[in-house]
Amino acid sequence: MGQVVLVTGVSRYIGGVLARRLAADPGVDKVIGVDVIPPPRDLGGAEFVRADIRNPMIGKVIAQGDVDTVVHANVIATPTFAGGRTPQKEINVIGTMQLLAACQKASTVKRLVVKSTAAVYGSTPRDPAMFTEEMTAKRLPSSGFGKDSIEVEGYVRGFARRRPDAEILTLRFANIIGPRIRTSITDYFNLPVIPIPFGYDARLQFFHEDDAIAALVRGVTGSTTGVVNLAGDGVLTVVQAAAIARRPFVMVPMAAAGPLGGLGKRFGLVDFSPDQMSFLAFGRGMDTTVMRTTFGFNPTFSTRAAFEDFARTVTPVVPSFDAVTGAVGGLAGVAQQVLGRATGGRL
């Protein structure tokens, strides 16, 4: 008999495509996709159930469906996609608590796959060249998606203690990127002018959206447990990525990075937390030995190839000299104001 899989977060790209892919897998008997709004894309043979994982009613969905495998893909990275920071945190943290409580009570649930993130490692100048799965953040993320993901993984470890009979796999993805998915990092590289913290050129790793879905399918249908880092081969620096995306960039003082992120959020251009801005300064690297050896997964796309596939969808910016001068001047003006306040006007 094949698996009965419940997938959370099917109204967004990764969850929706994953549900459709699993429904077409001969080893899977049934797929139930849940979310608070109907998915905008066809789920194929998957059944959609409108349900909120923050509500204990999710337990009835699991029990009535005789679900044996749960894929938690409903940890939201960007607050604008959830309607703000408060609902984002509620979905990520309260939703995870309710989902895991339901899984704990359901004797049919034998496997849990959690879509997590490399953001749990944070970003500081004291970080190792490559984080392995056993390492922890030098400085814990203090806000946003990274902080939520730390809490989510904590609840997963608690679930593991209470249900030692269940198989648990946590997949820590590098920034997922591609021509169809929209994230805070794709919004950043779609800006007309890319602000980069002065004196820094962070190392970035990416994971292609197609590889992400393939890895999740393998996580559901395979038997690997534990924590696995997932990233494409190699790294790109922020400056290299901006060049590939055909975007001009301007170096701004680190003190101005936060206010610039706030301006981007205000005008709906990009939504970055302070931790994400630190990521753009210090970067992050993950060791992927476990991905290849224990998990047995080899990404089709390298970090560069994944970014290049995304960059093909970015509209080229060919501004006039006056437009570039105005944009750079505006950014420089904001930076000067911030530094002026920080130094009491002594520049």
Protein backbone atom coordinates (compact mmCIF):
# COMPACT_ATOMS: atom_id res chain seq x y z
CA MET A 1 0.00 0.00 0.00
CA GLY A 2 1.30 3.47 -0.92
CA GLN A 3 1.63 6.54 1.24
CA VAL A 4 -1.09 8.99 2.20
CA VAL A 5 0.61 12.40 2.30
CA LEU A 6 -0.61 15.71 3.70
CA VAL A 7 1.14 18.82 2.34
CA THR A 8 0.71 22.21 4.04
CA GLY A 9 1.03 25.53 2.21
CA VAL A 10 -0.27 24.40 -1.20
CA SER A 11 -1.47 27.89 -2.17
CA ARG A 12 2.17 28.92 -2.70
CA TYR A 13 4.42 27.76 -5.50
CA ILE A 14 6.60 25.13 -3.80
CA GLY A 15 3.75 23.50 -1.86
CA GLY A 16 1.41 23.44 -4.85
CA VAL A 17 3.88 21.92 -7.30
CA LEU A 18 5.05 19.45 -4.65
CA ALA A 19 1.47 18.23 -4.08
CA ARG A 20 0.94 17.74 -7.81
CA ARG A 21 4.27 15.92 -8.19
CA LEU A 22 3.55 13.59 -5.27
CA ALA A 23 0.06 12.82 -6.60
CA ALA A 24 1.68 11.57 -9.81
CA ASP A 25 4.15 9.35 -7.94
CA PRO A 26 3.19 5.64 -8.23
CA GLY A 27 4.34 5.01 -4.66
CA VAL A 28 1.85 7.52 -3.25
CA ASP A 29 -1.82 6.53 -2.96
CA LYS A 30 -3.28 9.88 -1.95
CA VAL A 31 -2.20 13.48 -1.45
CA ILE A 32 -4.15 16.00 0.64
CA GLY A 33 -3.14 19.63 0.19
CA VAL A 34 -4.20 22.14 2.84
CA ASP A 35 -4.13 25.93 3.01
CA VAL A 36 -6.34 28.82 4.06
CA ILE A 37 -6.98 29.93 0.47
CA PRO A 38 -7.51 27.87 -2.69
CA PRO A 39 -4.32 27.27 -4.69
CA PRO A 40 -3.90 29.42 -7.81
CA ARG A 41 -2.54 26.47 -9.81
CA ASP A 42 -3.77 22.99 -10.65
CA LEU A 43 -2.91 20.39 -8.00
CA GLY A 44 -3.34 17.51 -10.44
CA GLY A 45 -4.51 14.41 -8.62
CA ALA A 46 -4.11 15.95 -5.16
CA GLU A 47 -7.19 16.71 -3.08
CA PHE A 48 -7.48 20.25 -1.70
CA VAL A 49 -8.91 20.84 1.78
CA ARG A 50 -9.40 24.39 2.97
CA ALA A 51 -7.95 24.32 6.48
CA ASP A 52 -5.89 26.55 8.75
CA ILE A 53 -3.01 24.79 10.48
CA ARG A 54 -3.38 27.29 13.35
CA ASN A 55 -6.74 25.67 14.15
CA PRO A 56 -6.95 22.35 16.05
CA MET A 57 -9.35 21.20 13.30
CA ILE A 58 -6.24 20.24 11.31
CA GLY A 59 -6.20 17.15 13.54
CA LYS A 60 -9.51 16.00 12.04
CA VAL A 61 -8.14 16.36 8.53
CA ILE A 62 -5.19 14.14 9.45
CA ALA A 63 -7.31 11.57 11.28
CA GLN A 64 -10.08 11.35 8.68
CA GLY A 65 -7.57 11.03 5.86
CA ASP A 66 -5.52 8.28 7.58
CA VAL A 67 -2.44 10.38 6.83
CA ASP A 68 0.88 8.61 7.42
CA THR A 69 3.27 11.28 6.06
CA VAL A 70 3.10 15.03 6.74
CA VAL A 71 5.10 17.62 4.76
CA HIS A 72 5.26 20.95 6.57
CA ALA A 73 5.95 23.43 3.77
CA ASN A 74 3.94 26.28 5.29
CA VAL A 75 6.69 28.28 7.02
CA ILE A 76 6.37 31.68 5.34
CA ALA A 77 9.58 33.57 4.61
CA THR A 78 8.24 37.03 3.70
CA PRO A 79 5.68 38.94 5.81
CA THR A 80 4.10 40.65 2.80
CA PHE A 81 2.99 37.22 1.55
CA ALA A 82 1.15 36.61 4.84
CA GLY A 83 -0.39 40.06 5.27
CA GLY A 84 2.20 41.38 7.72
CA ARG A 85 4.65 40.29 10.38
CA THR A 86 1.99 39.35 12.97
CA PRO A 87 0.09 36.85 10.77
CA GLN A 88 3.43 35.56 9.44
CA LYS A 89 4.58 34.70 12.96
CA GLU A 90 1.20 33.20 13.85
CA ILE A 91 1.25 30.91 10.81
CA ASN A 92 4.89 29.95 11.30
CA VAL A 93 4.96 29.43 15.06
CA ILE A 94 1.37 28.82 16.23
CA GLY A 95 0.63 26.91 13.03
CA THR A 96 3.61 24.61 13.59
CA MET A 97 2.60 24.00 17.21
CA GLN A 98 -0.94 23.02 16.23
CA LEU A 99 0.20 20.86 13.32
CA LEU A 100 2.70 18.95 15.44
CA ALA A 101 0.15 18.52 18.24
CA ALA A 102 -2.19 16.95 15.69
CA CYS A 103 0.59 14.72 14.38
CA GLN A 104 1.44 13.61 17.91
CA LYS A 105 -2.13 12.47 18.55
CA ALA A 106 -2.50 10.70 15.18
CA SER A 107 -1.15 7.17 15.49
CA THR A 108 -1.23 6.86 11.69
CA VAL A 109 1.46 9.54 11.22
CA LYS A 110 4.80 7.79 10.83
CA ARG A 111 6.90 10.35 8.91
CA LEU A 112 7.32 14.13 9.11
CA VAL A 113 9.24 16.20 6.55
CA VAL A 114 9.90 19.84 7.45
CA LYS A 115 10.93 22.49 4.94
CA SER A 116 13.37 24.65 6.90
CA THR A 117 16.03 27.18 5.93
CA ALA A 118 19.71 28.02 6.12
CA ALA A 119 18.61 31.22 7.91
CA VAL A 120 18.74 29.27 11.20
CA TYR A 121 22.55 29.61 11.03
CA GLY A 122 22.35 33.41 11.05
CA SER A 123 25.05 35.61 9.46
CA THR A 124 27.96 37.14 11.34
CA PRO A 125 31.63 37.93 10.61
CA ARG A 126 32.60 35.10 12.99
CA ASP A 127 30.84 32.36 11.03
CA PRO A 128 32.74 29.31 9.75
CA ALA A 129 33.40 29.04 6.02
CA MET A 130 30.80 26.27 5.82
CA PHE A 131 28.15 25.30 8.35
CA THR A 132 27.61 21.60 8.88
CA GLU A 133 24.32 20.24 10.20
CA GLU A 134 25.71 19.86 13.73
CA MET A 135 26.71 23.53 14.01
CA THR A 136 24.56 26.30 15.44
CA ALA A 137 24.39 30.03 14.81
CA LYS A 138 27.14 32.20 16.28
CA ARG A 139 24.41 34.76 16.90
CA LEU A 140 20.80 33.59 16.80
CA PRO A 141 18.53 35.41 14.34
CA SER A 142 16.70 38.10 16.28
CA SER A 143 13.73 38.73 14.02
CA GLY A 144 11.67 37.61 11.08
CA PHE A 145 11.87 34.35 9.18
CA GLY A 146 15.14 33.21 10.74
CA LYS A 147 13.82 33.60 14.29
CA ASP A 148 10.59 31.80 13.37
CA SER A 149 12.54 28.95 11.79
CA ILE A 150 14.64 28.52 14.95
CA GLU A 151 11.40 28.16 16.93
CA VAL A 152 9.91 25.78 14.35
CA GLU A 153 12.93 23.49 14.54
CA GLY A 154 12.72 23.60 18.33
CA TYR A 155 9.12 22.37 18.19
CA VAL A 156 10.15 19.64 15.76
CA ARG A 157 12.80 18.41 18.20
CA GLY A 158 10.17 18.38 20.94
CA PHE A 159 7.88 16.33 18.71
CA ALA A 160 10.73 13.88 18.11
CA ARG A 161 11.08 13.33 21.86
CA ARG A 162 7.36 12.74 22.29
CA ARG A 163 7.02 10.51 19.23
CA PRO A 164 10.26 8.50 19.03
CA ASP A 165 8.49 6.05 16.69
CA ALA A 166 8.09 8.71 13.99
CA GLU A 167 10.68 9.34 11.25
CA ILE A 168 11.60 13.03 11.07
CA LEU A 169 13.53 14.80 8.31
CA THR A 170 14.40 18.50 8.43
CA LEU A 171 15.62 20.01 5.15
CA ARG A 172 17.55 23.28 5.48
CA PHE A 173 17.40 24.99 2.10
CA ALA A 174 19.70 27.71 0.83
CA ASN A 175 17.82 30.60 -0.80
CA ILE A 176 15.45 28.98 -3.29
CA ILE A 177 15.47 30.81 -6.60
CA GLY A 178 14.21 30.33 -10.14
CA PRO A 179 12.08 31.82 -12.92
CA ARG A 180 8.70 31.12 -11.27
CA ILE A 181 9.14 31.51 -7.52
CA ARG A 182 8.99 34.90 -5.80
CA THR A 183 10.92 35.47 -2.57
CA SER A 184 12.56 38.38 -0.76
CA ILE A 185 15.86 37.58 -2.49
CA THR A 186 14.27 37.65 -5.97
CA ASP A 187 12.63 40.97 -5.06
CA TYR A 188 16.03 42.29 -3.98
CA PHE A 189 17.69 41.45 -7.28
CA ASN A 190 14.74 42.96 -9.17
CA LEU A 191 15.40 46.38 -7.65
CA PRO A 192 16.39 48.98 -10.27
CA VAL A 193 19.56 49.72 -8.26
CA ILE A 194 21.00 47.15 -5.83
CA PRO A 195 22.19 48.60 -2.47
CA ILE A 196 25.19 46.66 -1.12
CA PRO A 197 26.73 47.32 2.32
CA PHE A 198 29.95 49.29 1.82
CA GLY A 199 33.09 47.19 2.20
CA TYR A 200 31.27 43.84 1.90
CA ASP A 201 30.65 41.37 -0.90
CA ALA A 202 28.87 38.46 0.74
CA ARG A 203 29.07 34.84 -0.43
CA LEU A 204 25.67 33.49 -1.43
CA GLN A 205 24.40 29.98 -2.11
CA PHE A 206 21.25 29.26 -4.09
CA PHE A 207 19.04 26.23 -4.70
CA HIS A 208 16.92 26.02 -7.85
CA GLU A 209 13.15 25.73 -7.42
CA ASP A 210 13.07 22.51 -9.49
CA ASP A 211 15.77 20.96 -7.30
CA ALA A 212 13.88 22.05 -4.18
CA ILE A 213 10.73 20.23 -5.27
CA ALA A 214 12.74 17.14 -6.30
CA ALA A 215 14.49 17.12 -2.91
CA LEU A 216 11.16 17.35 -1.07
CA VAL A 217 9.76 14.47 -3.12
CA ARG A 218 12.83 12.42 -2.22
CA GLY A 219 12.37 13.38 1.42
CA VAL A 220 8.77 12.13 1.37
CA THR A 221 9.34 8.88 -0.52
CA GLY A 222 12.75 8.04 1.00
CA SER A 223 13.78 6.96 4.48
CA THR A 224 16.47 9.52 5.44
CA THR A 225 16.01 11.13 8.84
CA GLY A 226 17.78 13.93 10.71
CA VAL A 227 18.87 17.31 9.35
CA VAL A 228 20.16 17.89 5.80
CA ASN A 229 21.67 21.07 4.30
CA LEU A 230 20.68 21.69 0.67
CA ALA A 231 22.51 24.09 -1.66
CA GLY A 232 23.80 24.15 -5.21
CA ASP A 233 27.51 23.73 -5.91
CA GLY A 234 29.70 26.81 -5.55
CA VAL A 235 28.96 30.33 -4.39
CA LEU A 236 28.27 33.75 -5.89
CA THR A 237 29.06 37.09 -4.35
CA VAL A 238 26.42 39.81 -4.23
CA VAL A 239 28.36 41.89 -6.78
CA GLN A 240 28.65 38.92 -9.16
CA ALA A 241 24.93 38.22 -8.81
CA ALA A 242 24.05 41.86 -9.52
CA ALA A 243 26.16 41.71 -12.69
CA ILE A 244 24.42 38.51 -13.84
CA ALA A 245 21.03 40.15 -13.19
CA ARG A 246 22.21 43.20 -15.20
CA ARG A 247 21.59 45.51 -12.30
CA PRO A 248 23.65 48.55 -11.31
CA PHE A 249 24.60 48.66 -7.65
CA VAL A 250 25.59 51.27 -5.14
CA MET A 251 27.69 50.77 -2.02
CA VAL A 252 26.00 52.16 1.09
CA PRO A 253 27.31 52.37 4.67
CA MET A 254 26.27 49.42 6.82
CA ALA A 255 24.48 51.86 9.14
CA ALA A 256 22.21 52.84 6.25
CA ALA A 257 21.32 49.27 5.27
CA GLY A 258 18.47 49.02 7.78
CA PRO A 259 16.79 52.32 6.85
CA LEU A 260 17.16 51.48 3.15
CA GLY A 261 15.48 48.14 3.78
CA GLY A 262 12.70 50.03 5.56
CA LEU A 263 12.26 52.35 2.58
CA GLY A 264 12.09 49.39 0.23
CA LYS A 265 9.42 47.80 2.41
CA ARG A 266 7.43 51.05 2.60
CA PHE A 267 7.29 51.38 -1.18
CA GLY A 268 6.55 47.69 -1.72
CA LEU A 269 9.82 47.00 -3.52
CA VAL A 270 11.46 44.55 -1.13
CA ASP A 271 10.87 43.29 2.42
CA PHE A 272 14.03 42.67 4.43
CA SER A 273 14.47 42.17 8.16
CA PRO A 274 17.70 43.32 9.89
CA ASP A 275 18.88 39.70 9.87
CA GLN A 276 18.45 39.53 6.12
CA MET A 277 20.47 42.71 5.72
CA SER A 278 23.22 41.09 7.79
CA PHE A 279 23.07 38.18 5.37
CA LEU A 280 23.76 40.58 2.48
CA ALA A 281 26.83 41.86 4.34
CA PHE A 282 28.34 38.65 5.74
CA GLY A 283 26.77 35.92 3.62
CA ARG A 284 26.61 32.27 4.57
CA GLY A 285 27.96 28.93 3.41
CA MET A 286 26.62 25.43 4.07
CA ASP A 287 28.44 22.12 3.77
CA THR A 288 26.39 19.73 1.61
CA THR A 289 28.26 16.46 2.20
CA VAL A 290 25.25 14.89 3.97
CA MET A 291 22.99 15.92 1.07
CA ARG A 292 25.11 13.88 -1.34
CA THR A 293 26.12 10.93 0.80
CA THR A 294 23.35 10.19 3.30
CA PHE A 295 20.41 11.82 1.51
CA GLY A 296 21.69 10.75 -1.91
CA PHE A 297 20.66 13.92 -3.72
CA ASN A 298 22.68 15.74 -6.39
CA PRO A 299 21.18 19.06 -7.55
CA THR A 300 20.79 19.59 -11.27
CA PHE A 301 21.65 23.28 -10.94
CA SER A 302 24.75 24.80 -9.37
CA THR A 303 24.41 28.04 -7.41
CA ARG A 304 25.44 30.04 -10.50
CA ALA A 305 23.20 28.09 -12.89
CA ALA A 306 20.21 28.51 -10.56
CA PHE A 307 20.77 32.26 -10.35
CA GLU A 308 21.30 32.54 -14.10
CA ASP A 309 17.97 30.77 -14.72
CA PHE A 310 16.27 33.31 -12.45
CA ALA A 311 18.16 36.22 -14.02
CA ARG A 312 16.71 35.40 -17.45
CA THR A 313 13.33 36.57 -16.13
CA VAL A 314 14.66 39.89 -14.81
CA THR A 315 13.82 42.83 -17.04
CA PRO A 316 17.07 44.53 -18.07
CA VAL A 317 17.59 48.00 -16.68
CA VAL A 318 18.99 50.37 -19.29
CA PRO A 319 18.43 53.75 -17.65
CA SER A 320 19.67 57.07 -18.85
CA PHE A 321 22.68 58.68 -17.20
CA ASP A 322 20.36 61.12 -15.39
CA ALA A 323 18.23 58.27 -14.01
CA VAL A 324 21.26 56.43 -12.64
CA THR A 325 22.64 59.64 -11.16
CA GLY A 326 19.30 60.42 -9.51
CA ALA A 327 18.92 56.93 -8.02
CA VAL A 328 22.47 56.84 -6.68
CA GLY A 329 22.16 60.38 -5.37
CA GLY A 330 18.94 59.49 -3.56
CA LEU A 331 20.50 56.46 -1.90
CA ALA A 332 23.57 58.47 -0.96
CA GLY A 333 21.36 61.17 0.54
CA VAL A 334 19.58 58.67 2.77
CA ALA A 335 22.91 57.18 3.83
CA GLN A 336 24.28 60.64 4.68
CA GLN A 337 21.21 61.46 6.80
CA VAL A 338 21.53 58.18 8.71
CA LEU A 339 25.23 58.68 9.34
CA GLY A 340 24.59 62.27 10.36
CA ARG A 341 22.13 61.16 13.03
CA ALA A 342 24.47 58.38 14.18
CA THR A 343 27.41 60.78 14.58
CA GLY A 344 25.47 63.79 15.83
CA GLY A 345 26.18 65.61 12.59
CA ARG A 346 29.94 65.05 12.78
CA LEU A 347 30.86 63.51 9.40
